[in-house]
Amino acid sequence: MKRTVTKSVFCLAALVILAGCAGRVRYPAYYTLNLPAPPDPPAAENAHATLAIREFRAPTYLRQGAIVYKTSPEQIGFYAYDRWALDPRDFVTNSIVDRLRASGAFAQVKSYDGSRDIDYVLSGRLEKLEELDYQGGVKVQVAISAEMTGIRHRKDRLEQCGFGDWRGQPARCARRGPEMNRTMQRAIEKLVTPMPTSLATGAAGGQKDQK
């Protein structure tokens, strides 16, 4: 009888422990980037060229959903429970489409659908989107590169549109979201600001390529 009571007490203790573990189950937290909406585009009286933007590419490790951090230049880590709610490639592509539409530099800006009734195609790559957890505090690094290729009028011309590479200021983990937003915004602005508007206004006129 004593053995039976001891066994029952042990089973009850095991159930209590299991219940305690179940209460500490951690679920993934999902994050997204949030940039200010671009201004309304100005009247594009001199803009005639059209532009299509391909979906931006990214390294494999940035496409796995988990937010990335680095503890050294050579070591990449992944947060187990902090994940992106939206594919960063989609976010960057849509943000650049919106900002180039707002620039008024082109008569039309759209996502690339394979058609060739356009003047230019912008192809880009999200190079980096990660936390840097070394060298004195947590920082955020975003790097974006892109190139614009003439399709209709300047078939051999290749325009390098820039390389946005920004490291945000050191931030606590609680401020990671705002700092990542600011760093992404700066990288995109650095990329699209030097956009060659002279090509946009002159493409429809069939001008000759400049050597």
Protein backbone atom coordinates (compact mmCIF):
# COMPACT_ATOMS: atom_id res chain seq x y z
CA MET A 1 0.00 0.00 0.00
CA LYS A 2 2.83 2.38 0.86
CA ARG A 3 4.44 1.74 -2.57
CA THR A 4 1.16 2.60 -4.29
CA VAL A 5 0.91 5.93 -2.47
CA THR A 6 4.52 6.81 -3.33
CA LYS A 7 3.90 6.01 -6.97
CA SER A 8 0.79 8.19 -7.03
CA VAL A 9 2.64 11.13 -5.51
CA PHE A 10 5.43 10.78 -8.09
CA CYS A 11 2.93 10.80 -10.96
CA LEU A 12 1.24 13.91 -9.54
CA ALA A 13 4.58 15.70 -9.29
CA ALA A 14 5.37 14.80 -12.89
CA LEU A 15 2.05 16.22 -14.06
CA VAL A 16 2.71 19.46 -12.18
CA ILE A 17 6.13 19.79 -13.84
CA LEU A 18 4.66 19.15 -17.29
CA ALA A 19 1.96 21.72 -16.69
CA GLY A 20 4.58 24.27 -15.70
CA CYS A 21 6.53 23.65 -18.90
CA ALA A 22 3.41 24.00 -20.98
CA GLY A 23 2.81 27.41 -19.45
CA ARG A 24 6.18 28.63 -20.77
CA VAL A 25 5.64 27.74 -24.41
CA ARG A 26 7.02 30.55 -26.57
CA TYR A 27 5.48 31.39 -29.89
CA PRO A 28 7.18 33.22 -32.78
CA ALA A 29 6.88 37.00 -32.93
CA TYR A 30 6.46 38.48 -36.40
CA TYR A 31 7.84 41.85 -37.46
CA THR A 32 7.53 44.06 -40.49
CA LEU A 33 9.24 47.22 -41.68
CA ASN A 34 7.24 50.42 -41.75
CA LEU A 35 8.47 53.37 -43.80
CA PRO A 36 6.80 56.77 -44.21
CA ALA A 37 4.55 56.96 -47.24
CA PRO A 38 6.19 58.75 -50.18
CA PRO A 39 4.80 62.16 -51.18
CA ASP A 40 2.35 62.56 -54.03
CA PRO A 41 4.23 62.67 -57.34
CA PRO A 42 4.67 66.02 -59.05
CA ALA A 43 3.27 66.66 -62.50
CA ALA A 44 5.60 64.77 -64.84
CA GLU A 45 5.39 67.15 -67.79
CA ASN A 46 8.83 66.25 -69.20
CA ALA A 47 8.86 62.57 -68.26
CA HIS A 48 8.19 60.21 -71.15
CA ALA A 49 10.07 57.01 -70.34
CA THR A 50 8.54 54.01 -68.64
CA LEU A 51 10.24 51.87 -66.03
CA ALA A 52 9.56 48.34 -64.80
CA ILE A 53 11.09 46.98 -61.62
CA ARG A 54 11.95 43.33 -61.17
CA GLU A 55 11.48 41.65 -57.83
CA PHE A 56 14.65 42.26 -55.85
CA ARG A 57 16.89 39.28 -55.18
CA ALA A 58 18.56 38.44 -51.86
CA PRO A 59 21.03 35.92 -50.43
CA THR A 60 19.51 32.62 -49.33
CA TYR A 61 20.00 33.33 -45.64
CA LEU A 62 17.83 36.46 -45.88
CA ARG A 63 14.99 34.50 -47.46
CA GLN A 64 14.48 32.00 -44.63
CA GLY A 65 12.12 34.16 -42.59
CA ALA A 66 14.16 34.53 -39.41
CA ILE A 67 15.66 37.90 -38.46
CA VAL A 68 19.42 37.70 -38.91
CA TYR A 69 22.16 38.85 -36.56
CA LYS A 70 25.94 38.73 -36.66
CA THR A 71 28.23 38.34 -33.69
CA SER A 72 31.28 38.87 -35.91
CA PRO A 73 31.88 39.69 -39.59
CA GLU A 74 32.15 35.97 -40.30
CA GLN A 75 29.40 34.46 -38.12
CA ILE A 76 25.70 34.61 -38.99
CA GLY A 77 22.97 33.75 -36.50
CA PHE A 78 19.18 33.46 -36.72
CA TYR A 79 16.69 34.44 -34.04
CA ALA A 80 14.63 31.39 -33.12
CA TYR A 81 11.39 33.29 -32.43
CA ASP A 82 11.78 36.67 -34.19
CA ARG A 83 10.69 36.39 -37.80
CA TRP A 84 9.67 38.58 -40.74
CA ALA A 85 5.95 38.71 -41.44
CA LEU A 86 6.67 39.72 -45.06
CA ASP A 87 9.44 38.59 -47.34
CA PRO A 88 12.03 41.43 -47.19
CA ARG A 89 12.45 41.20 -50.97
CA ASP A 90 8.79 42.07 -51.49
CA PHE A 91 9.02 44.95 -49.05
CA VAL A 92 12.09 46.47 -50.73
CA THR A 93 10.65 46.00 -54.24
CA ASN A 94 7.32 47.62 -53.36
CA SER A 95 8.99 50.48 -51.48
CA ILE A 96 11.23 51.35 -54.43
CA VAL A 97 8.28 51.16 -56.84
CA ASP A 98 6.35 53.60 -54.63
CA ARG A 99 9.27 56.02 -54.28
CA LEU A 100 10.12 56.08 -57.97
CA ARG A 101 6.47 56.70 -58.80
CA ALA A 102 6.50 59.59 -56.34
CA SER A 103 9.67 61.05 -57.87
CA GLY A 104 7.86 62.07 -61.07
CA ALA A 105 10.97 61.13 -63.08
CA PHE A 106 9.13 58.54 -65.19
CA ALA A 107 5.84 58.60 -67.02
CA GLN A 108 5.05 55.16 -65.62
CA VAL A 109 6.62 52.93 -62.98
CA LYS A 110 5.32 49.40 -62.55
CA SER A 111 6.35 45.93 -61.45
CA TYR A 112 8.05 43.92 -64.17
CA ASP A 113 5.70 41.41 -65.82
CA GLY A 114 7.92 40.22 -68.67
CA SER A 115 6.56 42.57 -71.31
CA ARG A 116 8.98 44.63 -73.41
CA ASP A 117 6.80 47.67 -74.08
CA ILE A 118 8.89 49.66 -71.61
CA ASP A 119 12.03 51.78 -71.84
CA TYR A 120 13.97 50.61 -68.80
CA VAL A 121 14.12 47.71 -66.38
CA LEU A 122 15.47 48.12 -62.86
CA SER A 123 17.02 44.99 -61.34
CA GLY A 124 18.27 44.98 -57.78
CA ARG A 125 19.44 42.97 -54.84
CA LEU A 126 18.96 43.26 -51.11
CA GLU A 127 22.53 42.60 -50.03
CA LYS A 128 22.22 42.93 -46.26
CA LEU A 129 19.47 43.23 -43.66
CA GLU A 130 20.81 42.27 -40.27
CA GLU A 131 21.78 43.23 -36.76
CA LEU A 132 25.45 43.67 -35.94
CA ASP A 133 26.00 42.53 -32.37
CA TYR A 134 29.66 43.43 -32.04
CA GLN A 135 31.99 46.43 -31.94
CA GLY A 136 30.29 48.16 -29.05
CA GLY A 137 26.54 47.72 -29.14
CA VAL A 138 23.77 46.53 -31.43
CA LYS A 139 23.59 48.18 -34.84
CA VAL A 140 21.51 47.57 -37.95
CA GLN A 141 22.98 47.23 -41.43
CA VAL A 142 21.03 47.48 -44.67
CA ALA A 143 22.63 47.34 -48.11
CA ILE A 144 20.81 47.51 -51.45
CA SER A 145 22.23 47.58 -54.98
CA ALA A 146 20.50 48.05 -58.33
CA GLU A 147 21.13 48.66 -62.01
CA MET A 148 18.94 50.04 -64.76
CA THR A 149 19.03 48.56 -68.25
CA GLY A 150 17.67 50.21 -71.38
CA ILE A 151 15.22 47.98 -73.25
CA ARG A 152 13.60 49.93 -76.06
CA HIS A 153 15.86 52.84 -76.99
CA ARG A 154 19.21 52.17 -75.35
CA LYS A 155 19.65 48.45 -75.56
CA ASP A 156 23.36 48.48 -74.75
CA ARG A 157 23.27 51.09 -72.02
CA LEU A 158 23.63 50.06 -68.40
CA GLU A 159 23.09 52.54 -65.61
CA GLN A 160 24.39 51.80 -62.12
CA CYS A 161 21.80 53.35 -59.86
CA GLY A 162 23.84 53.23 -56.70
CA PHE A 163 24.50 51.16 -53.65
CA GLY A 164 22.67 51.99 -50.45
CA ASP A 165 24.67 50.75 -47.46
CA TRP A 166 23.80 52.12 -44.06
CA ARG A 167 24.69 51.20 -40.52
CA GLY A 168 22.25 52.56 -38.00
CA GLN A 169 23.15 53.97 -34.62
CA PRO A 170 23.64 51.58 -31.67
CA ALA A 171 20.27 50.59 -30.28
CA ARG A 172 18.84 48.46 -27.51
CA CYS A 173 16.88 45.40 -28.54
CA ALA A 174 13.65 47.22 -27.66
CA ARG A 175 14.48 49.86 -30.27
CA ARG A 176 15.46 47.40 -32.97
CA GLY A 177 12.31 47.95 -35.03
CA PRO A 178 12.50 51.77 -35.25
CA GLU A 179 16.22 51.70 -35.94
CA MET A 180 15.80 49.10 -38.68
CA ASN A 181 13.05 51.22 -40.23
CA ARG A 182 15.28 54.31 -40.26
CA THR A 183 18.24 52.40 -41.65
CA MET A 184 16.15 50.83 -44.42
CA GLN A 185 14.71 54.24 -45.31
CA ARG A 186 18.19 55.78 -45.61
CA ALA A 187 19.44 52.92 -47.78
CA ILE A 188 16.47 53.20 -50.16
CA GLU A 189 16.82 56.98 -50.38
CA LYS A 190 20.51 56.65 -51.10
CA LEU A 191 19.70 54.19 -53.86
CA VAL A 192 16.96 56.13 -55.67
CA THR A 193 18.17 59.72 -55.15
CA PRO A 194 20.84 59.64 -57.91
CA MET A 195 18.38 58.06 -60.37
CA PRO A 196 19.35 59.38 -63.82
CA THR A 197 16.31 61.52 -64.57
CA SER A 198 17.87 62.76 -67.82
CA LEU A 199 17.43 59.26 -69.21
CA ALA A 200 13.80 59.24 -68.14
CA THR A 201 13.01 62.49 -69.91
CA GLY A 202 15.00 61.75 -73.04
CA ALA A 203 14.30 58.11 -73.75
CA ALA A 204 11.08 58.62 -75.64
CA GLY A 205 12.80 60.97 -78.07
CA GLY A 206 14.99 58.20 -79.38
CA GLN A 207 18.22 60.04 -78.61
CA LYS A 208 21.49 58.37 -79.45
CA ASP A 209 23.52 56.77 -76.73
CA GLN A 210 26.17 58.90 -75.18
CA LYS A 211 29.62 57.47 -75.41
